[in-house]
Amino acid sequence: MVNPVRKAREAKGLTMKQFAVVLGVPYSAVNGVETGLLTQLPATWEKGMTRLGMDYMAMQRAYMEWRSRKAEAILEGMKHGD
């Protein structure tokens, strides 16, 4: 299960630090999204993502779906003692 934001960032050939600079956000925000700690993409990312040719709303939906699947996998693992 690959984080869609990470996949898109890597497809652009950007490091997390470079991505943060282009988005105008702290590195910790990018890290928070890529690890699934944030519940959704911050609205402040929209302008930078658009400059990179990314569809912010589509990425928001993909991220939230990914995060939901990640949570379900964690819960499922708990049922099986993982």
PDB file of N, CA and C in Angstrom:
ATOM      1  N   MET A   1       0.855  -1.169   0.000  1.00  0.00           N
ATOM      2  CA  MET A   1       0.000   0.000   0.000  1.00  0.00           C
ATOM      3  C   MET A   1       0.906   1.239   0.000  1.00  0.00           C
ATOM      4  N   VAL A   2       0.938   1.938  -1.129  1.00  0.00           N
ATOM      5  CA  VAL A   2       1.829   3.083  -1.287  1.00  0.00           C
ATOM      6  C   VAL A   2       1.055   4.386  -1.117  1.00  0.00           C
ATOM      7  N   ASN A   3       1.606   5.283  -0.335  1.00  0.00           N
ATOM      8  CA  ASN A   3       1.015   6.601  -0.134  1.00  0.00           C
ATOM      9  C   ASN A   3       0.989   7.330  -1.476  1.00  0.00           C
ATOM     10  N   PRO A   4      -0.192   7.813  -1.908  1.00  0.00           N
ATOM     11  CA  PRO A   4      -0.276   8.473  -3.215  1.00  0.00           C
ATOM     12  C   PRO A   4       0.514   9.776  -3.300  1.00  0.00           C
ATOM     13  N   VAL A   5       0.665  10.471  -2.198  1.00  0.00           N
ATOM     14  CA  VAL A   5       1.448  11.709  -2.202  1.00  0.00           C
ATOM     15  C   VAL A   5       2.922  11.375  -2.412  1.00  0.00           C
ATOM     16  N   ARG A   6       3.390  10.375  -1.705  1.00  0.00           N
ATOM     17  CA  ARG A   6       4.786   9.961  -1.872  1.00  0.00           C
ATOM     18  C   ARG A   6       5.050   9.499  -3.308  1.00  0.00           C
ATOM     19  N   LYS A   7       4.128   8.714  -3.834  1.00  0.00           N
ATOM     20  CA  LYS A   7       4.268   8.216  -5.196  1.00  0.00           C
ATOM     21  C   LYS A   7       4.342   9.374  -6.196  1.00  0.00           C
ATOM     22  N   ALA A   8       3.469  10.363  -6.036  1.00  0.00           N
ATOM     23  CA  ALA A   8       3.455  11.525  -6.939  1.00  0.00           C
ATOM     24  C   ALA A   8       4.724  12.362  -6.779  1.00  0.00           C
ATOM     25  N   ARG A   9       5.167  12.543  -5.542  1.00  0.00           N
ATOM     26  CA  ARG A   9       6.394  13.314  -5.295  1.00  0.00           C
ATOM     27  C   ARG A   9       7.585  12.633  -5.942  1.00  0.00           C
ATOM     28  N   GLU A  10       7.694  11.333  -5.734  1.00  0.00           N
ATOM     29  CA  GLU A  10       8.810  10.588  -6.305  1.00  0.00           C
ATOM     30  C   GLU A  10       8.760  10.584  -7.835  1.00  0.00           C
ATOM     31  N   ALA A  11       7.551  10.549  -8.396  1.00  0.00           N
ATOM     32  CA  ALA A  11       7.407  10.586  -9.858  1.00  0.00           C
ATOM     33  C   ALA A  11       7.922  11.907 -10.425  1.00  0.00           C
ATOM     34  N   LYS A  12       7.856  12.963  -9.627  1.00  0.00           N
ATOM     35  CA  LYS A  12       8.382  14.272 -10.040  1.00  0.00           C
ATOM     36  C   LYS A  12       9.887  14.365  -9.799  1.00  0.00           C
ATOM     37  N   GLY A  13      10.462  13.352  -9.151  1.00  0.00           N
ATOM     38  CA  GLY A  13      11.894  13.344  -8.883  1.00  0.00           C
ATOM     39  C   GLY A  13      12.313  14.266  -7.753  1.00  0.00           C
ATOM     40  N   LEU A  14      11.385  14.539  -6.838  1.00  0.00           N
ATOM     41  CA  LEU A  14      11.660  15.458  -5.730  1.00  0.00           C
ATOM     42  C   LEU A  14      11.920  14.713  -4.427  1.00  0.00           C
ATOM     43  N   THR A  15      12.847  15.235  -3.652  1.00  0.00           N
ATOM     44  CA  THR A  15      13.036  14.740  -2.293  1.00  0.00           C
ATOM     45  C   THR A  15      11.925  15.343  -1.431  1.00  0.00           C
ATOM     46  N   MET A  16      11.791  14.836  -0.225  1.00  0.00           N
ATOM     47  CA  MET A  16      10.801  15.408   0.683  1.00  0.00           C
ATOM     48  C   MET A  16      11.122  16.868   0.971  1.00  0.00           C
ATOM     49  N   LYS A  17      12.400  17.169   1.142  1.00  0.00           N
ATOM     50  CA  LYS A  17      12.814  18.542   1.425  1.00  0.00           C
ATOM     51  C   LYS A  17      12.479  19.468   0.248  1.00  0.00           C
ATOM     52  N   GLN A  18      12.776  19.023  -0.970  1.00  0.00           N
ATOM     53  CA  GLN A  18      12.468  19.835  -2.154  1.00  0.00           C
ATOM     54  C   GLN A  18      10.962  20.044  -2.300  1.00  0.00           C
ATOM     55  N   PHE A  19      10.205  18.992  -2.062  1.00  0.00           N
ATOM     56  CA  PHE A  19       8.745  19.068  -2.148  1.00  0.00           C
ATOM     57  C   PHE A  19       8.218  20.092  -1.142  1.00  0.00           C
ATOM     58  N   ALA A  20       8.744  20.057   0.060  1.00  0.00           N
ATOM     59  CA  ALA A  20       8.327  21.017   1.091  1.00  0.00           C
ATOM     60  C   ALA A  20       8.624  22.450   0.661  1.00  0.00           C
ATOM     61  N   VAL A  21       9.789  22.665   0.073  1.00  0.00           N
ATOM     62  CA  VAL A  21      10.162  24.013  -0.365  1.00  0.00           C
ATOM     63  C   VAL A  21       9.205  24.505  -1.453  1.00  0.00           C
ATOM     64  N   VAL A  22       8.918  23.654  -2.433  1.00  0.00           N
ATOM     65  CA  VAL A  22       8.016  24.043  -3.518  1.00  0.00           C
ATOM     66  C   VAL A  22       6.609  24.320  -2.977  1.00  0.00           C
ATOM     67  N   LEU A  23       6.164  23.516  -2.029  1.00  0.00           N
ATOM     68  CA  LEU A  23       4.836  23.718  -1.453  1.00  0.00           C
ATOM     69  C   LEU A  23       4.796  24.898  -0.490  1.00  0.00           C
ATOM     70  N   GLY A  24       5.961  25.313  -0.008  1.00  0.00           N
ATOM     71  CA  GLY A  24       6.011  26.414   0.958  1.00  0.00           C
ATOM     72  C   GLY A  24       5.571  25.994   2.339  1.00  0.00           C
ATOM     73  N   VAL A  25       5.891  24.751   2.693  1.00  0.00           N
ATOM     74  CA  VAL A  25       5.487  24.211   3.993  1.00  0.00           C
ATOM     75  C   VAL A  25       6.698  23.617   4.697  1.00  0.00           C
ATOM     76  N   PRO A  26       6.615  23.395   5.998  1.00  0.00           N
ATOM     77  CA  PRO A  26       7.717  22.755   6.699  1.00  0.00           C
ATOM     78  C   PRO A  26       7.889  21.295   6.264  1.00  0.00           C
ATOM     79  N   TYR A  27       9.102  20.827   6.352  1.00  0.00           N
ATOM     80  CA  TYR A  27       9.422  19.425   6.066  1.00  0.00           C
ATOM     81  C   TYR A  27       8.536  18.504   6.906  1.00  0.00           C
ATOM     82  N   SER A  28       8.287  18.901   8.156  1.00  0.00           N
ATOM     83  CA  SER A  28       7.489  18.064   9.056  1.00  0.00           C
ATOM     84  C   SER A  28       6.070  17.849   8.527  1.00  0.00           C
ATOM     85  N   ALA A  29       5.535  18.805   7.778  1.00  0.00           N
ATOM     86  CA  ALA A  29       4.194  18.646   7.200  1.00  0.00           C
ATOM     87  C   ALA A  29       4.210  17.566   6.122  1.00  0.00           C
ATOM     88  N   VAL A  30       5.246  17.580   5.281  1.00  0.00           N
ATOM     89  CA  VAL A  30       5.373  16.550   4.244  1.00  0.00           C
ATOM     90  C   VAL A  30       5.549  15.185   4.909  1.00  0.00           C
ATOM     91  N   ASN A  31       6.392  15.135   5.917  1.00  0.00           N
ATOM     92  CA  ASN A  31       6.607  13.883   6.642  1.00  0.00           C
ATOM     93  C   ASN A  31       5.301  13.398   7.275  1.00  0.00           C
ATOM     94  N   GLY A  32       4.546  14.310   7.850  1.00  0.00           N
ATOM     95  CA  GLY A  32       3.281  13.944   8.483  1.00  0.00           C
ATOM     96  C   GLY A  32       2.289  13.340   7.503  1.00  0.00           C
ATOM     97  N   VAL A  33       2.250  13.888   6.290  1.00  0.00           N
ATOM     98  CA  VAL A  33       1.353  13.348   5.271  1.00  0.00           C
ATOM     99  C   VAL A  33       1.869  12.005   4.777  1.00  0.00           C
ATOM    100  N   GLU A  34       3.154  11.920   4.517  1.00  0.00           N
ATOM    101  CA  GLU A  34       3.698  10.684   3.956  1.00  0.00           C
ATOM    102  C   GLU A  34       3.655   9.507   4.940  1.00  0.00           C
ATOM    103  N   THR A  35       3.629   9.801   6.219  1.00  0.00           N
ATOM    104  CA  THR A  35       3.518   8.725   7.206  1.00  0.00           C
ATOM    105  C   THR A  35       2.072   8.475   7.631  1.00  0.00           C
ATOM    106  N   GLY A  36       1.156   9.332   7.171  1.00  0.00           N
ATOM    107  CA  GLY A  36      -0.254   9.155   7.484  1.00  0.00           C
ATOM    108  C   GLY A  36      -0.689   9.767   8.791  1.00  0.00           C
ATOM    109  N   LEU A  37       0.134  10.613   9.378  1.00  0.00           N
ATOM    110  CA  LEU A  37      -0.222  11.227  10.656  1.00  0.00           C
ATOM    111  C   LEU A  37      -1.291  12.310  10.505  1.00  0.00           C
ATOM    112  N   LEU A  38      -1.303  12.996   9.356  1.00  0.00           N
ATOM    113  CA  LEU A  38      -2.308  14.030   9.126  1.00  0.00           C
ATOM    114  C   LEU A  38      -3.542  13.407   8.499  1.00  0.00           C
ATOM    115  N   THR A  39      -4.718  13.876   8.908  1.00  0.00           N
ATOM    116  CA  THR A  39      -5.968  13.282   8.429  1.00  0.00           C
ATOM    117  C   THR A  39      -6.289  13.662   6.990  1.00  0.00           C
ATOM    118  N   GLN A  40      -5.778  14.799   6.540  1.00  0.00           N
ATOM    119  CA  GLN A  40      -5.991  15.223   5.165  1.00  0.00           C
ATOM    120  C   GLN A  40      -4.868  16.141   4.728  1.00  0.00           C
ATOM    121  N   LEU A  41      -4.809  16.401   3.426  1.00  0.00           N
ATOM    122  CA  LEU A  41      -3.783  17.310   2.924  1.00  0.00           C
ATOM    123  C   LEU A  41      -4.139  18.727   3.336  1.00  0.00           C
ATOM    124  N   PRO A  42      -3.180  19.472   3.849  1.00  0.00           N
ATOM    125  CA  PRO A  42      -3.458  20.853   4.222  1.00  0.00           C
ATOM    126  C   PRO A  42      -3.859  21.686   3.001  1.00  0.00           C
ATOM    127  N   ALA A  43      -4.802  22.578   3.180  1.00  0.00           N
ATOM    128  CA  ALA A  43      -5.268  23.449   2.094  1.00  0.00           C
ATOM    129  C   ALA A  43      -4.133  24.308   1.543  1.00  0.00           C
ATOM    130  N   THR A  44      -3.153  24.596   2.382  1.00  0.00           N
ATOM    131  CA  THR A  44      -2.023  25.425   1.951  1.00  0.00           C
ATOM    132  C   THR A  44      -1.178  24.740   0.879  1.00  0.00           C
ATOM    133  N   TRP A  45      -1.396  23.464   0.639  1.00  0.00           N
ATOM    134  CA  TRP A  45      -0.634  22.725  -0.363  1.00  0.00           C
ATOM    135  C   TRP A  45      -1.175  22.924  -1.771  1.00  0.00           C
ATOM    136  N   GLU A  46      -2.406  23.397  -1.898  1.00  0.00           N
ATOM    137  CA  GLU A  46      -3.059  23.435  -3.207  1.00  0.00           C
ATOM    138  C   GLU A  46      -2.280  24.233  -4.249  1.00  0.00           C
ATOM    139  N   LYS A  47      -1.832  25.407  -3.905  1.00  0.00           N
ATOM    140  CA  LYS A  47      -1.117  26.256  -4.871  1.00  0.00           C
ATOM    141  C   LYS A  47       0.166  25.574  -5.368  1.00  0.00           C
ATOM    142  N   GLY A  48       0.958  25.052  -4.445  1.00  0.00           N
ATOM    143  CA  GLY A  48       2.208  24.406  -4.826  1.00  0.00           C
ATOM    144  C   GLY A  48       1.985  23.144  -5.638  1.00  0.00           C
ATOM    145  N   MET A  49       0.965  22.382  -5.282  1.00  0.00           N
ATOM    146  CA  MET A  49       0.672  21.167  -6.032  1.00  0.00           C
ATOM    147  C   MET A  49       0.219  21.513  -7.448  1.00  0.00           C
ATOM    148  N   THR A  50      -0.549  22.571  -7.579  1.00  0.00           N
ATOM    149  CA  THR A  50      -0.989  23.011  -8.900  1.00  0.00           C
ATOM    150  C   THR A  50       0.212  23.422  -9.747  1.00  0.00           C
ATOM    151  N   ARG A  51       1.175  24.134  -9.143  1.00  0.00           N
ATOM    152  CA  ARG A  51       2.388  24.524  -9.880  1.00  0.00           C
ATOM    153  C   ARG A  51       3.163  23.306 -10.357  1.00  0.00           C
ATOM    154  N   LEU A  52       3.058  22.209  -9.627  1.00  0.00           N
ATOM    155  CA  LEU A  52       3.745  20.979 -10.001  1.00  0.00           C
ATOM    156  C   LEU A  52       2.928  20.129 -10.983  1.00  0.00           C
ATOM    157  N   GLY A  53       1.757  20.622 -11.346  1.00  0.00           N
ATOM    158  CA  GLY A  53       0.911  19.880 -12.275  1.00  0.00           C
ATOM    159  C   GLY A  53       0.118  18.765 -11.620  1.00  0.00           C
ATOM    160  N   MET A  54      -0.066  18.861 -10.312  1.00  0.00           N
ATOM    161  CA  MET A  54      -0.816  17.849  -9.566  1.00  0.00           C
ATOM    162  C   MET A  54      -2.233  18.362  -9.318  1.00  0.00           C
ATOM    163  N   ASP A  55      -3.192  17.465  -9.370  1.00  0.00           N
ATOM    164  CA  ASP A  55      -4.581  17.797  -9.089  1.00  0.00           C
ATOM    165  C   ASP A  55      -4.799  17.654  -7.579  1.00  0.00           C
ATOM    166  N   TYR A  56      -4.892  18.787  -6.898  1.00  0.00           N
ATOM    167  CA  TYR A  56      -4.995  18.793  -5.441  1.00  0.00           C
ATOM    168  C   TYR A  56      -6.204  17.996  -4.938  1.00  0.00           C
ATOM    169  N   MET A  57      -7.371  18.229  -5.531  1.00  0.00           N
ATOM    170  CA  MET A  57      -8.573  17.559  -5.035  1.00  0.00           C
ATOM    171  C   MET A  57      -8.522  16.050  -5.283  1.00  0.00           C
ATOM    172  N   ALA A  58      -8.002  15.644  -6.428  1.00  0.00           N
ATOM    173  CA  ALA A  58      -7.864  14.213  -6.704  1.00  0.00           C
ATOM    174  C   ALA A  58      -6.866  13.585  -5.731  1.00  0.00           C
ATOM    175  N   MET A  59      -5.788  14.309  -5.444  1.00  0.00           N
ATOM    176  CA  MET A  59      -4.789  13.806  -4.510  1.00  0.00           C
ATOM    177  C   MET A  59      -5.371  13.747  -3.096  1.00  0.00           C
ATOM    178  N   GLN A  60      -6.189  14.725  -2.744  1.00  0.00           N
ATOM    179  CA  GLN A  60      -6.844  14.722  -1.432  1.00  0.00           C
ATOM    180  C   GLN A  60      -7.691  13.455  -1.277  1.00  0.00           C
ATOM    181  N   ARG A  61      -8.490  13.157  -2.294  1.00  0.00           N
ATOM    182  CA  ARG A  61      -9.344  11.962  -2.237  1.00  0.00           C
ATOM    183  C   ARG A  61      -8.499  10.692  -2.152  1.00  0.00           C
ATOM    184  N   ALA A  62      -7.459  10.618  -2.977  1.00  0.00           N
ATOM    185  CA  ALA A  62      -6.590   9.431  -2.975  1.00  0.00           C
ATOM    186  C   ALA A  62      -5.897   9.268  -1.626  1.00  0.00           C
ATOM    187  N   TYR A  63      -5.440  10.386  -1.052  1.00  0.00           N
ATOM    188  CA  TYR A  63      -4.755  10.332   0.242  1.00  0.00           C
ATOM    189  C   TYR A  63      -5.704   9.852   1.335  1.00  0.00           C
ATOM    190  N   MET A  64      -6.910  10.404   1.369  1.00  0.00           N
ATOM    191  CA  MET A  64      -7.857  10.029   2.408  1.00  0.00           C
ATOM    192  C   MET A  64      -8.265   8.557   2.270  1.00  0.00           C
ATOM    193  N   GLU A  65      -8.387   8.081   1.047  1.00  0.00           N
ATOM    194  CA  GLU A  65      -8.699   6.662   0.822  1.00  0.00           C
ATOM    195  C   GLU A  65      -7.533   5.791   1.286  1.00  0.00           C
ATOM    196  N   TRP A  66      -6.313   6.188   0.946  1.00  0.00           N
ATOM    197  CA  TRP A  66      -5.121   5.447   1.373  1.00  0.00           C
ATOM    198  C   TRP A  66      -5.058   5.385   2.890  1.00  0.00           C
ATOM    199  N   ARG A  67      -5.286   6.522   3.534  1.00  0.00           N
ATOM    200  CA  ARG A  67      -5.205   6.583   4.999  1.00  0.00           C
ATOM    201  C   ARG A  67      -6.271   5.704   5.642  1.00  0.00           C
ATOM    202  N   SER A  68      -7.454   5.690   5.050  1.00  0.00           N
ATOM    203  CA  SER A  68      -8.536   4.842   5.558  1.00  0.00           C
ATOM    204  C   SER A  68      -8.160   3.365   5.430  1.00  0.00           C
ATOM    205  N   ARG A  69      -7.596   2.978   4.286  1.00  0.00           N
ATOM    206  CA  ARG A  69      -7.157   1.590   4.099  1.00  0.00           C
ATOM    207  C   ARG A  69      -6.040   1.234   5.070  1.00  0.00           C
ATOM    208  N   LYS A  70      -5.156   2.188   5.331  1.00  0.00           N
ATOM    209  CA  LYS A  70      -4.063   1.950   6.280  1.00  0.00           C
ATOM    210  C   LYS A  70      -4.628   1.696   7.684  1.00  0.00           C
ATOM    211  N   ALA A  71      -5.607   2.493   8.082  1.00  0.00           N
ATOM    212  CA  ALA A  71      -6.230   2.315   9.395  1.00  0.00           C
ATOM    213  C   ALA A  71      -6.921   0.959   9.485  1.00  0.00           C
ATOM    214  N   GLU A  72      -7.616   0.566   8.424  1.00  0.00           N
ATOM    215  CA  GLU A  72      -8.286  -0.734   8.407  1.00  0.00           C
ATOM    216  C   GLU A  72      -7.274  -1.873   8.524  1.00  0.00           C
ATOM    217  N   ALA A  73      -6.137  -1.735   7.860  1.00  0.00           N
ATOM    218  CA  ALA A  73      -5.098  -2.765   7.931  1.00  0.00           C
ATOM    219  C   ALA A  73      -4.545  -2.885   9.348  1.00  0.00           C
ATOM    220  N   ILE A  74      -4.417  -1.753  10.026  1.00  0.00           N
ATOM    221  CA  ILE A  74      -3.941  -1.766  11.418  1.00  0.00           C
ATOM    222  C   ILE A  74      -4.945  -2.490  12.308  1.00  0.00           C
ATOM    223  N   LEU A  75      -6.209  -2.149  12.143  1.00  0.00           N
ATOM    224  CA  LEU A  75      -7.255  -2.793  12.940  1.00  0.00           C
ATOM    225  C   LEU A  75      -7.339  -4.291  12.656  1.00  0.00           C
ATOM    226  N   GLU A  76      -7.217  -4.650  11.397  1.00  0.00           N
ATOM    227  CA  GLU A  76      -7.243  -6.057  11.015  1.00  0.00           C
ATOM    228  C   GLU A  76      -6.071  -6.804  11.645  1.00  0.00           C
ATOM    229  N   GLY A  77      -4.895  -6.159  11.652  1.00  0.00           N
ATOM    230  CA  GLY A  77      -3.715  -6.753  12.268  1.00  0.00           C
ATOM    231  C   GLY A  77      -3.914  -6.991  13.760  1.00  0.00           C
ATOM    232  N   MET A  78      -4.631  -6.082  14.409  1.00  0.00           N
ATOM    233  CA  MET A  78      -4.906  -6.242  15.836  1.00  0.00           C
ATOM    234  C   MET A  78      -5.769  -7.476  16.107  1.00  0.00           C
ATOM    235  N   LYS A  79      -6.699  -7.740  15.188  1.00  0.00           N
ATOM    236  CA  LYS A  79      -7.569  -8.898  15.347  1.00  0.00           C
ATOM    237  C   LYS A  79      -6.787 -10.210  15.274  1.00  0.00           C
ATOM    238  N   HIS A  80      -5.712 -10.170  14.511  1.00  0.00           N
ATOM    239  CA  HIS A  80      -4.917 -11.368  14.291  1.00  0.00           C
ATOM    240  C   HIS A  80      -3.643 -11.401  15.137  1.00  0.00           C
ATOM    241  N   GLY A  81      -3.522 -10.439  16.039  1.00  0.00           N
ATOM    242  CA  GLY A  81      -2.374 -10.399  16.940  1.00  0.00           C
ATOM    243  C   GLY A  81      -1.089  -9.931  16.300  1.00  0.00           C
ATOM    244  N   ASP A  82      -1.174  -9.221  15.178  1.00  0.00           N
ATOM    245  CA  ASP A  82       0.037  -8.695  14.513  1.00  0.00           C
ATOM    246  C   ASP A  82       0.572  -7.484  15.209  1.00  0.00           C
TER     247      ASP A  82
END
